[in-house]
Amino acid sequence: MKVINAVAGLAAATTAFVFAPFAHAQSSDGFTLDRAEYEAGSTITLSHDVTAQCEGKASSKGFINGFSSGFRAGGPNTLVADASASWIPGSYTAEMTCKGKQVTREFKVVTAERDKFWLLPAEVEAGGDISVIKTKQSDCGEVATSPGFAAPIELRFESINTRIGNGKAVDRPGTYQAEMTCGGKQVQVQFVVTAKTSAPVVTKKPAVRAPIVKPKGAPQTGGGGTAR
């Protein structure tokens, strides 16, 4: 009897081992991320089965805008959404409410080798503000130059894991290259300066003058009498 029980227990354990990964992968248990690790600024794809009953958007400090896009149909009984990975490397969690409970998923953001530095925004209005950003681990220098900058931008400020420099774009629209020395080599990042949006012209209507109305009555004569 003990042998039979042992065999049955082994079979049950084997069955659990075989089917556990599939059970974990079921999206009805909440939402899923397409990967566990993302390059900074890359696209994160989220999905869940309609039976998961997830509500609203996913949120995370690891998303550039803090939230994913709204979910849309991505296949039979499947909804998908996108988010942009943070520019700051690190470990993050994404959260959603599914079946009335908070569900979290962990992921990492890493800096790609090619991402020596980057610009925000990558498309800026003529004369607008633009920032140059690099991680503290970057082997780039401290000054970025570009024909599209009003002046060289020095990276003087720090956040959690980055160094940042702020400057102005030139007034002439066009596509430009920003350049920094990284690891002894010149690295370029492209950005676009767009035409300045002109403010709407408000046309003032001419003032309407009220007509002058003379009171009716008999004119006075020069001698003080009233004309008849």
Protein backbone atom coordinates (compact mmCIF):
# COMPACT_ATOMS: atom_id res chain seq x y z
CA MET A 1 0.00 0.00 0.00
CA LYS A 2 2.90 2.33 0.85
CA VAL A 3 4.45 1.60 -2.56
CA ILE A 4 1.17 2.40 -4.33
CA ASN A 5 0.82 5.65 -2.36
CA ALA A 6 4.40 6.59 -3.16
CA VAL A 7 3.85 5.97 -6.87
CA ALA A 8 0.62 7.97 -6.78
CA GLY A 9 2.38 10.81 -5.00
CA LEU A 10 5.21 10.77 -7.54
CA ALA A 11 2.71 10.83 -10.40
CA ALA A 12 0.87 13.76 -8.84
CA ALA A 13 4.12 15.67 -8.36
CA THR A 14 5.16 14.95 -11.94
CA THR A 15 1.77 16.13 -13.22
CA ALA A 16 2.06 19.33 -11.20
CA PHE A 17 5.56 19.92 -12.57
CA VAL A 18 4.43 19.39 -16.17
CA PHE A 19 1.33 21.53 -16.02
CA ALA A 20 2.44 24.26 -13.59
CA PRO A 21 4.25 26.36 -16.23
CA PHE A 22 1.18 26.32 -18.46
CA ALA A 23 -1.07 27.28 -15.57
CA HIS A 24 1.25 30.18 -14.75
CA ALA A 25 1.16 31.33 -18.37
CA GLN A 26 -2.63 31.53 -18.45
CA SER A 27 -3.57 35.19 -18.99
CA SER A 28 -6.85 34.61 -17.13
CA ASP A 29 -4.75 34.96 -13.98
CA GLY A 30 -4.11 38.62 -14.89
CA PHE A 31 -2.07 40.46 -17.48
CA THR A 32 1.33 39.55 -18.93
CA LEU A 33 4.36 41.36 -20.38
CA ASP A 34 5.97 40.14 -23.58
CA ARG A 35 9.44 40.15 -22.00
CA ALA A 36 11.13 40.43 -18.62
CA GLU A 37 13.82 42.91 -19.77
CA TYR A 38 13.63 45.96 -22.03
CA GLU A 39 16.06 48.46 -23.45
CA ALA A 40 15.50 52.04 -22.32
CA GLY A 41 12.84 53.73 -24.45
CA SER A 42 11.75 50.51 -26.16
CA THR A 43 8.19 49.29 -26.54
CA ILE A 44 6.60 47.12 -23.86
CA THR A 45 3.64 45.02 -25.00
CA LEU A 46 1.05 44.02 -22.41
CA SER A 47 -1.81 41.58 -22.91
CA HIS A 48 -4.57 39.79 -21.06
CA ASP A 49 -7.40 37.42 -21.80
CA VAL A 50 -10.91 38.83 -21.64
CA THR A 51 -11.66 36.34 -18.85
CA ALA A 52 -9.01 38.05 -16.70
CA GLN A 53 -11.44 40.96 -16.26
CA CYS A 54 -8.63 43.53 -16.04
CA GLU A 55 -9.72 47.15 -15.72
CA GLY A 56 -8.37 50.35 -17.24
CA LYS A 57 -4.68 50.81 -18.06
CA ALA A 58 -1.52 49.33 -16.56
CA SER A 59 0.59 51.71 -14.48
CA SER A 60 4.29 51.68 -13.64
CA LYS A 61 7.15 54.01 -12.71
CA GLY A 62 9.00 52.08 -15.40
CA PHE A 63 6.74 53.51 -18.12
CA ILE A 64 7.78 56.88 -19.59
CA ASN A 65 4.29 58.33 -19.24
CA GLY A 66 3.40 56.33 -16.14
CA PHE A 67 0.63 54.39 -17.90
CA SER A 68 0.15 52.05 -20.81
CA SER A 69 -2.07 52.84 -23.76
CA GLY A 70 -5.67 51.68 -23.63
CA PHE A 71 -6.18 48.00 -24.35
CA ARG A 72 -7.41 46.99 -27.82
CA ALA A 73 -8.33 43.75 -29.56
CA GLY A 74 -5.21 41.75 -30.32
CA GLY A 75 -6.65 38.36 -31.25
CA PRO A 76 -9.41 35.97 -30.27
CA ASN A 77 -10.39 36.82 -26.68
CA THR A 78 -7.12 38.75 -26.22
CA LEU A 79 -6.57 42.44 -25.49
CA VAL A 80 -3.21 44.17 -25.93
CA ALA A 81 -1.68 47.54 -25.03
CA ASP A 82 1.69 49.26 -25.38
CA ALA A 83 3.95 51.33 -23.12
CA SER A 84 7.40 52.87 -23.47
CA ALA A 85 10.15 51.68 -21.15
CA SER A 86 11.69 54.34 -18.90
CA TRP A 87 14.94 56.01 -19.89
CA ILE A 88 16.27 55.22 -16.43
CA PRO A 89 17.62 51.65 -16.02
CA GLY A 90 16.39 49.65 -13.04
CA SER A 91 13.90 47.09 -11.73
CA TYR A 92 10.22 48.02 -11.90
CA THR A 93 6.75 46.59 -11.43
CA ALA A 94 3.68 47.11 -13.60
CA GLU A 95 0.27 47.04 -11.93
CA MET A 96 -3.34 46.48 -12.96
CA THR A 97 -6.60 45.60 -11.26
CA CYS A 98 -7.91 42.23 -12.47
CA LYS A 99 -11.00 40.58 -11.01
CA GLY A 100 -11.02 43.24 -8.33
CA LYS A 101 -7.48 42.49 -7.13
CA GLN A 102 -4.19 44.23 -7.79
CA VAL A 103 -1.92 42.20 -10.07
CA THR A 104 1.78 43.09 -10.45
CA ARG A 105 4.40 42.04 -12.96
CA GLU A 106 8.14 42.65 -12.56
CA PHE A 107 10.47 43.77 -15.34
CA LYS A 108 13.86 45.40 -15.85
CA VAL A 109 15.00 48.33 -17.97
CA VAL A 110 18.58 48.27 -19.23
CA THR A 111 20.64 50.71 -21.27
CA ALA A 112 21.51 49.44 -24.72
CA GLU A 113 25.12 49.73 -25.80
CA ARG A 114 24.12 51.97 -28.70
CA ASP A 115 22.23 54.34 -26.39
CA LYS A 116 25.23 56.37 -25.30
CA PHE A 117 23.04 59.44 -24.83
CA TRP A 118 19.62 60.62 -25.94
CA LEU A 119 17.57 63.76 -26.48
CA LEU A 120 14.21 64.79 -25.11
CA PRO A 121 12.17 65.59 -27.01
CA ALA A 122 13.46 64.07 -30.25
CA GLU A 123 11.23 66.53 -32.13
CA VAL A 124 11.27 70.09 -30.83
CA GLU A 125 9.67 73.33 -31.97
CA ALA A 126 12.00 76.03 -33.32
CA GLY A 127 13.53 77.92 -30.40
CA GLY A 128 12.07 75.38 -27.94
CA ASP A 129 13.62 73.64 -24.93
CA ILE A 130 15.65 70.47 -25.48
CA SER A 131 17.53 68.24 -23.03
CA VAL A 132 20.54 65.95 -23.43
CA ILE A 133 20.55 62.93 -21.11
CA LYS A 134 22.99 60.14 -20.33
CA THR A 135 23.26 57.55 -17.57
CA LYS A 136 25.86 58.02 -14.87
CA GLN A 137 27.53 54.85 -16.13
CA SER A 138 27.86 56.26 -19.64
CA ASP A 139 31.36 56.83 -21.01
CA CYS A 140 30.23 59.99 -22.85
CA GLY A 141 31.64 63.41 -22.02
CA GLU A 142 29.84 66.32 -20.37
CA VAL A 143 29.12 68.57 -23.38
CA ALA A 144 26.91 67.95 -26.42
CA THR A 145 27.17 70.05 -29.56
CA SER A 146 24.96 70.42 -32.62
CA PRO A 147 24.18 72.91 -35.40
CA GLY A 148 20.61 72.46 -34.13
CA PHE A 149 21.48 73.82 -30.65
CA ALA A 150 21.48 77.54 -29.98
CA ALA A 151 24.64 76.85 -27.92
CA PRO A 152 26.56 73.75 -26.73
CA ILE A 153 24.69 71.96 -23.95
CA GLU A 154 26.60 71.06 -20.78
CA LEU A 155 25.29 68.15 -18.69
CA ARG A 156 25.31 69.71 -15.22
CA PHE A 157 22.27 68.27 -13.44
CA GLU A 158 21.68 64.85 -11.91
CA SER A 159 18.63 62.71 -11.20
CA ILE A 160 18.46 59.17 -9.81
CA ASN A 161 20.72 57.57 -12.41
CA THR A 162 21.23 60.21 -15.07
CA ARG A 163 23.08 63.39 -15.92
CA ILE A 164 21.09 66.05 -17.74
CA GLY A 165 21.81 69.23 -19.67
CA ASN A 166 19.20 71.72 -20.85
CA GLY A 167 19.34 74.10 -23.78
CA LYS A 168 17.50 75.67 -26.69
CA ALA A 169 16.96 74.58 -30.28
CA VAL A 170 17.79 76.94 -33.15
CA ASP A 171 15.06 78.92 -34.86
CA ARG A 172 15.59 77.25 -38.26
CA PRO A 173 13.53 74.04 -38.83
CA GLY A 174 15.35 70.97 -40.12
CA THR A 175 16.94 67.62 -39.23
CA TYR A 176 20.09 67.88 -37.13
CA GLN A 177 22.69 65.67 -35.45
CA ALA A 178 23.73 66.09 -31.83
CA GLU A 179 27.26 64.88 -31.08
CA MET A 180 29.18 63.77 -28.02
CA THR A 181 32.50 62.05 -27.43
CA CYS A 182 31.79 58.58 -25.99
CA GLY A 183 34.55 56.11 -25.30
CA GLY A 184 36.96 58.12 -27.43
CA LYS A 185 34.60 58.11 -30.43
CA GLN A 186 32.16 60.66 -31.79
CA VAL A 187 28.56 59.47 -31.34
CA GLN A 188 25.67 61.20 -33.08
CA VAL A 189 21.95 61.26 -32.30
CA GLN A 190 19.44 62.71 -34.75
CA PHE A 191 16.64 65.10 -33.85
CA VAL A 192 14.18 67.33 -35.69
CA VAL A 193 13.42 71.01 -35.27
CA THR A 194 9.91 71.80 -36.47
CA ALA A 195 8.45 75.14 -37.53
CA LYS A 196 7.16 77.28 -34.72
CA THR A 197 3.42 77.13 -34.32
CA SER A 198 2.03 80.59 -34.96
CA ALA A 199 -0.52 81.94 -32.53
CA PRO A 200 -3.97 82.48 -34.01
CA VAL A 201 -4.56 86.06 -35.14
CA VAL A 202 -7.44 87.67 -33.31
CA THR A 203 -9.21 90.27 -35.45
CA LYS A 204 -10.80 93.05 -33.48
CA LYS A 205 -14.11 94.29 -34.71
CA PRO A 206 -14.34 98.05 -35.17
CA ALA A 207 -16.20 99.80 -32.40
CA VAL A 208 -19.76 100.69 -33.31
CA ARG A 209 -20.57 104.29 -32.46
CA ALA A 210 -24.10 105.16 -31.38
CA PRO A 211 -25.82 107.63 -33.73
CA ILE A 212 -26.12 111.21 -32.51
CA VAL A 213 -29.78 112.06 -32.01
CA LYS A 214 -30.73 115.74 -31.85
CA PRO A 215 -33.73 116.54 -29.68
CA LYS A 216 -36.80 117.76 -31.54
CA GLY A 217 -38.12 121.23 -30.71
CA ALA A 218 -38.49 124.77 -32.00
CA PRO A 219 -35.21 126.59 -32.54
CA GLN A 220 -34.58 129.65 -30.42
CA THR A 221 -34.46 133.03 -32.12
CA GLY A 222 -31.70 135.41 -31.53
CA GLY A 223 -33.99 137.81 -29.68
CA GLY A 224 -34.96 135.35 -27.01
CA GLY A 225 -38.40 134.61 -28.47
CA THR A 226 -39.62 131.31 -29.74
CA ALA A 227 -40.08 130.97 -33.48
CA ARG A 228 -43.54 130.08 -34.70
